[in-house]
C-alpha atoms as a PDB file:
ATOM      1  CA  MET A   1      65.521  75.974 -64.896  1.00  0.00           C
ATOM      2  CA  GLY A   2      66.695  75.630 -61.316  1.00  0.00           C
ATOM      3  CA  LEU A   3      64.186  78.162 -60.012  1.00  0.00           C
ATOM      4  CA  LEU A   4      61.183  76.375 -61.498  1.00  0.00           C
ATOM      5  CA  ASP A   5      62.486  72.997 -60.345  1.00  0.00           C
ATOM      6  CA  SER A   6      62.841  74.212 -56.770  1.00  0.00           C
ATOM      7  CA  ILE A   7      59.339  75.698 -56.822  1.00  0.00           C
ATOM      8  CA  VAL A   8      57.813  72.527 -58.300  1.00  0.00           C
ATOM      9  CA  ASP A   9      59.667  70.270 -55.840  1.00  0.00           C
ATOM     10  CA  ARG A  10      57.598  71.745 -52.992  1.00  0.00           C
ATOM     11  CA  HIS A  11      54.563  69.848 -54.291  1.00  0.00           C
ATOM     12  CA  PHE A  12      56.223  66.434 -54.216  1.00  0.00           C
ATOM     13  CA  ALA A  13      57.350  64.328 -51.253  1.00  0.00           C
ATOM     14  CA  LYS A  14      58.627  60.817 -50.673  1.00  0.00           C
ATOM     15  CA  GLY A  15      56.319  58.555 -48.716  1.00  0.00           C
ATOM     16  CA  PRO A  16      57.477  56.124 -46.026  1.00  0.00           C
ATOM     17  CA  ASP A  17      57.514  53.290 -48.550  1.00  0.00           C
ATOM     18  CA  GLY A  18      59.433  55.316 -51.150  1.00  0.00           C
ATOM     19  CA  GLN A  19      56.492  56.267 -53.328  1.00  0.00           C
ATOM     20  CA  VAL A  20      56.167  59.807 -54.614  1.00  0.00           C
ATOM     21  CA  ILE A  21      53.327  61.840 -53.081  1.00  0.00           C
ATOM     22  CA  LEU A  22      51.782  64.885 -54.729  1.00  0.00           C
ATOM     23  CA  ARG A  23      50.677  67.628 -52.335  1.00  0.00           C
ATOM     24  CA  HIS A  24      47.647  69.474 -53.677  1.00  0.00           C
ATOM     25  CA  PRO A  25      48.510  73.206 -53.936  1.00  0.00           C
ATOM     26  CA  ALA A  26      44.977  74.451 -53.231  1.00  0.00           C
ATOM     27  CA  ALA A  27      43.955  71.998 -50.512  1.00  0.00           C
ATOM     28  CA  SER A  28      46.709  71.346 -48.006  1.00  0.00           C
ATOM     29  CA  LYS A  29      45.019  68.254 -46.542  1.00  0.00           C
ATOM     30  CA  ARG A  30      44.670  66.461 -49.888  1.00  0.00           C
ATOM     31  CA  SER A  31      47.527  64.546 -51.406  1.00  0.00           C
ATOM     32  CA  TYR A  32      47.857  61.742 -53.922  1.00  0.00           C
ATOM     33  CA  LEU A  33      50.097  58.723 -54.458  1.00  0.00           C
ATOM     34  CA  ILE A  34      51.733  58.853 -57.868  1.00  0.00           C
ATOM     35  CA  GLY A  35      51.924  55.396 -59.382  1.00  0.00           C
ATOM     36  CA  SER A  36      54.419  55.773 -62.212  1.00  0.00           C
ATOM     37  CA  LYS A  37      57.332  57.880 -63.352  1.00  0.00           C
ATOM     38  CA  ALA A  38      55.332  58.939 -66.428  1.00  0.00           C
ATOM     39  CA  ASP A  39      52.579  60.422 -64.249  1.00  0.00           C
ATOM     40  CA  GLU A  40      55.164  62.177 -62.098  1.00  0.00           C
ATOM     41  CA  SER A  41      56.912  63.697 -65.118  1.00  0.00           C
ATOM     42  CA  LYS A  42      53.563  64.854 -66.562  1.00  0.00           C
ATOM     43  CA  LEU A  43      52.634  66.515 -63.273  1.00  0.00           C
ATOM     44  CA  ARG A  44      56.058  68.136 -62.932  1.00  0.00           C
ATOM     45  CA  ALA A  45      55.812  69.490 -66.490  1.00  0.00           C
ATOM     46  CA  PHE A  46      52.299  70.791 -65.788  1.00  0.00           C
ATOM     47  CA  PHE A  47      53.472  72.592 -62.645  1.00  0.00           C
ATOM     48  CA  LYS A  48      56.461  74.062 -64.500  1.00  0.00           C
ATOM     49  CA  VAL A  49      54.193  75.458 -67.205  1.00  0.00           C
ATOM     50  CA  PHE A  50      51.851  76.859 -64.542  1.00  0.00           C
ATOM     51  CA  TYR A  51      54.611  78.524 -62.552  1.00  0.00           C
ATOM     52  CA  PHE A  52      56.290  79.910 -65.685  1.00  0.00           C
ATOM     53  CA  GLY A  53      52.957  81.520 -66.607  1.00  0.00           C
ATOM     54  CA  HIS A  54      52.496  82.741 -63.035  1.00  0.00           C
ATOM     55  CA  LEU A  55      55.941  84.351 -62.912  1.00  0.00           C
ATOM     56  CA  SER A  56      55.440  85.904 -66.352  1.00  0.00           C
ATOM     57  CA  ILE A  57      52.061  87.356 -65.410  1.00  0.00           C
ATOM     58  CA  THR A  58      53.473  88.670 -62.135  1.00  0.00           C
ATOM     59  CA  VAL A  59      56.514  90.395 -63.627  1.00  0.00           C
ATOM     60  CA  LEU A  60      54.949  91.687 -66.817  1.00  0.00           C
ATOM     61  CA  GLY A  61      51.621  92.468 -65.161  1.00  0.00           C
ATOM     62  CA  PHE A  62      53.160  94.594 -62.430  1.00  0.00           C
ATOM     63  CA  LEU A  63      55.399  96.465 -64.853  1.00  0.00           C
ATOM     64  CA  LEU A  64      52.630  97.071 -67.370  1.00  0.00           C
ATOM     65  CA  ALA A  65      50.013  97.988 -64.765  1.00  0.00           C
ATOM     66  CA  GLY A  66      52.406 100.406 -63.075  1.00  0.00           C
ATOM     67  CA  ALA A  67      53.269 102.121 -66.340  1.00  0.00           C
ATOM     68  CA  TRP A  68      49.666 102.303 -67.532  1.00  0.00           C
ATOM     69  CA  SER A  69      48.296 103.605 -64.242  1.00  0.00           C
ATOM     70  CA  GLN A  70      51.005 106.263 -64.101  1.00  0.00           C
ATOM     71  CA  ALA A  71      50.255 107.324 -67.681  1.00  0.00           C
ATOM     72  CA  ILE A  72      46.508 107.482 -67.009  1.00  0.00           C
ATOM     73  CA  ASN A  73      46.951 109.418 -63.779  1.00  0.00           C
ATOM     74  CA  TYR A  74      49.224 112.030 -65.366  1.00  0.00           C
ATOM     75  CA  GLU A  75      46.958 112.290 -68.407  1.00  0.00           C
ATOM     76  CA  TRP A  76      44.040 113.253 -66.162  1.00  0.00           C
ATOM     77  CA  GLY A  77      45.986 115.907 -64.254  1.00  0.00           C
ATOM     78  CA  ARG A  78      48.293 116.075 -61.275  1.00  0.00           C
ATOM     79  CA  PRO A  79      48.042 112.819 -59.286  1.00  0.00           C
ATOM     80  CA  SER A  80      48.980 114.550 -56.022  1.00  0.00           C
ATOM     81  CA  ALA A  81      45.963 116.835 -56.310  1.00  0.00           C
ATOM     82  CA  HIS A  82      43.529 113.928 -56.576  1.00  0.00           C
ATOM     83  CA  MET A  83      44.872 111.196 -54.337  1.00  0.00           C
ATOM     84  CA  LEU A  84      41.654 109.155 -54.152  1.00  0.00           C
ATOM     85  CA  ARG A  85      41.279 109.137 -57.944  1.00  0.00           C
ATOM     86  CA  THR A  86      44.911 108.096 -58.294  1.00  0.00           C
ATOM     87  CA  MET A  87      44.458 105.181 -55.902  1.00  0.00           C
ATOM     88  CA  VAL A  88      41.258 104.005 -57.625  1.00  0.00           C
ATOM     89  CA  VAL A  89      42.828 104.180 -61.104  1.00  0.00           C
ATOM     90  CA  THR A  90      45.901 102.294 -59.890  1.00  0.00           C
ATOM     91  CA  ALA A  91      43.841  99.608 -58.134  1.00  0.00           C
ATOM     92  CA  CYS A  92      41.569  99.102 -61.162  1.00  0.00           C
ATOM     93  CA  THR A  93      44.515  98.929 -63.541  1.00  0.00           C
ATOM     94  CA  PHE A  94      46.264  96.354 -61.366  1.00  0.00           C
ATOM     95  CA  ALA A  95      43.046  94.340 -61.054  1.00  0.00           C
ATOM     96  CA  LEU A  96      42.584  94.220 -64.823  1.00  0.00           C
ATOM     97  CA  VAL A  97      46.177  93.776 -65.936  1.00  0.00           C
ATOM     98  CA  TYR A  98      47.387  91.452 -63.154  1.00  0.00           C
ATOM     99  CA  GLY A  99      44.370  90.099 -61.295  1.00  0.00           C
ATOM    100  CA  LEU A 100      42.265  88.906 -64.207  1.00  0.00           C
ATOM    101  CA  PRO A 101      45.010  86.856 -65.943  1.00  0.00           C
ATOM    102  CA  GLU A 102      46.074  85.426 -62.585  1.00  0.00           C
ATOM    103  CA  LEU A 103      42.490  84.377 -61.825  1.00  0.00           C
ATOM    104  CA  LEU A 104      42.189  82.688 -65.217  1.00  0.00           C
ATOM    105  CA  LEU A 105      45.517  80.900 -64.716  1.00  0.00           C
ATOM    106  CA  TRP A 106      44.372  79.674 -61.288  1.00  0.00           C
ATOM    107  CA  ARG A 107      41.208  78.250 -62.871  1.00  0.00           C
ATOM    108  CA  ILE A 108      43.352  76.439 -65.445  1.00  0.00           C
ATOM    109  CA  LEU A 109      45.473  74.978 -62.621  1.00  0.00           C
ATOM    110  CA  ARG A 110      42.425  73.672 -60.778  1.00  0.00           C
ATOM    111  CA  ALA A 111      40.871  72.150 -63.898  1.00  0.00           C
ATOM    112  CA  GLY A 112      44.121  70.618 -65.117  1.00  0.00           C
ATOM    113  CA  LEU A 113      45.077  69.244 -61.740  1.00  0.00           C
ATOM    114  CA  SER A 114      41.699  67.607 -61.243  1.00  0.00           C
ATOM    115  CA  SER A 115      42.060  65.862 -64.618  1.00  0.00           C
ATOM    116  CA  PHE A 116      45.560  64.659 -63.705  1.00  0.00           C
ATOM    117  CA  THR A 117      44.597  63.400 -60.248  1.00  0.00           C
ATOM    118  CA  GLU A 118      41.282  61.700 -60.990  1.00  0.00           C
ATOM    119  CA  GLY A 119      42.890  58.261 -61.318  1.00  0.00           C
ATOM    120  CA  LEU A 120      45.330  58.634 -58.425  1.00  0.00           C
ATOM    121  CA  GLU A 121      44.839  57.242 -54.937  1.00  0.00           C
ATOM    122  CA  GLU A 122      44.248  59.875 -52.251  1.00  0.00           C
ATOM    123  CA  THR A 123      46.471  59.592 -49.198  1.00  0.00           C
ATOM    124  CA  ARG A 124      47.705  61.558 -46.228  1.00  0.00           C
ATOM    125  CA  ALA A 125      50.833  63.535 -46.961  1.00  0.00           C
ATOM    126  CA  PRO A 126      53.762  63.892 -44.594  1.00  0.00           C
ATOM    127  CA  ALA A 127      54.135  67.350 -43.126  1.00  0.00           C
ATOM    128  CA  PRO A 128      56.256  69.630 -45.289  1.00  0.00           C
ATOM    129  CA  PRO A 129      59.610  70.600 -43.812  1.00  0.00           C
ATOM    130  CA  VAL A 130      59.739  73.939 -42.054  1.00  0.00           C
ATOM    131  CA  ARG A 131      61.961  76.288 -43.994  1.00  0.00           C
ATOM    132  CA  VAL A 132      63.269  79.565 -42.712  1.00  0.00           C
ATOM    133  CA  TRP A 133      64.624  81.807 -45.366  1.00  0.00           C
ATOM    134  CA  PRO A 134      67.163  84.069 -43.662  1.00  0.00           C
ATOM    135  CA  ALA A 135      67.952  85.863 -46.898  1.00  0.00           C
ATOM    136  CA  ALA A 136      64.275  86.714 -47.472  1.00  0.00           C
ATOM    137  CA  ILE A 137      63.907  87.934 -43.897  1.00  0.00           C
ATOM    138  CA  ALA A 138      67.043  90.071 -44.202  1.00  0.00           C
ATOM    139  CA  LEU A 139      65.871  91.447 -47.544  1.00  0.00           C
ATOM    140  CA  GLY A 140      62.462  92.307 -46.069  1.00  0.00           C
ATOM    141  CA  ALA A 141      64.091  94.067 -43.115  1.00  0.00           C
ATOM    142  CA  LEU A 142      66.342  96.002 -45.480  1.00  0.00           C
ATOM    143  CA  ALA A 143      63.320  97.046 -47.573  1.00  0.00           C
ATOM    144  CA  ILE A 144      61.503  98.280 -44.461  1.00  0.00           C
ATOM    145  CA  LEU A 145      64.565 100.257 -43.352  1.00  0.00           C
ATOM    146  CA  LEU A 146      64.910 101.812 -46.802  1.00  0.00           C
ATOM    147  CA  ALA A 147      61.218 102.745 -46.818  1.00  0.00           C
ATOM    148  CA  ILE A 148      61.570 104.426 -43.413  1.00  0.00           C
ATOM    149  CA  ALA A 149      64.683 106.269 -44.599  1.00  0.00           C
ATOM    150  CA  VAL A 150      62.860 107.511 -47.722  1.00  0.00           C
ATOM    151  CA  LEU A 151      59.938 108.676 -45.607  1.00  0.00           C
ATOM    152  CA  PHE A 152      62.271 110.650 -43.339  1.00  0.00           C
ATOM    153  CA  LEU A 153      64.040 112.199 -46.321  1.00  0.00           C
ATOM    154  CA  ILE A 154      60.749 113.232 -47.922  1.00  0.00           C
ATOM    155  CA  GLN A 155      59.415 114.604 -44.651  1.00  0.00           C
ATOM    156  CA  ALA A 156      62.566 116.693 -44.067  1.00  0.00           C
ATOM    157  CA  ARG A 157      61.966 118.690 -47.260  1.00  0.00           C
END
């Protein structure tokens, strides 16, 4: 569970006096002092469940929405002949299969987090460390170069 732990660790920081501070994910200016280890472990478990659901919805939602929109578009005729219809069907499928569950999960996060933090003392959080992800930047640049290369190959035919 190293991936989930690294994602969840972004929401927690050590204060100047050694106390653990929870950074609110929706409101960047709000943060809370966590009084006990039990509260911290409950919050960490809650965030792990949330992010596991988020990653599951993202992966499965994109795969399912892509497959369903492709099947619908080919069932209704050639997608290249009706580009606007194809885009609308794809956008609606993605909104229903990915967007709706993600919206419901976000509402659960907000409701659950407010119940966890109602007894905690609000404080000012230290600024999060600036992280530059060279691998993500290199991967993004590679994806852009591959997209340009595919466009040139398609255009040459």
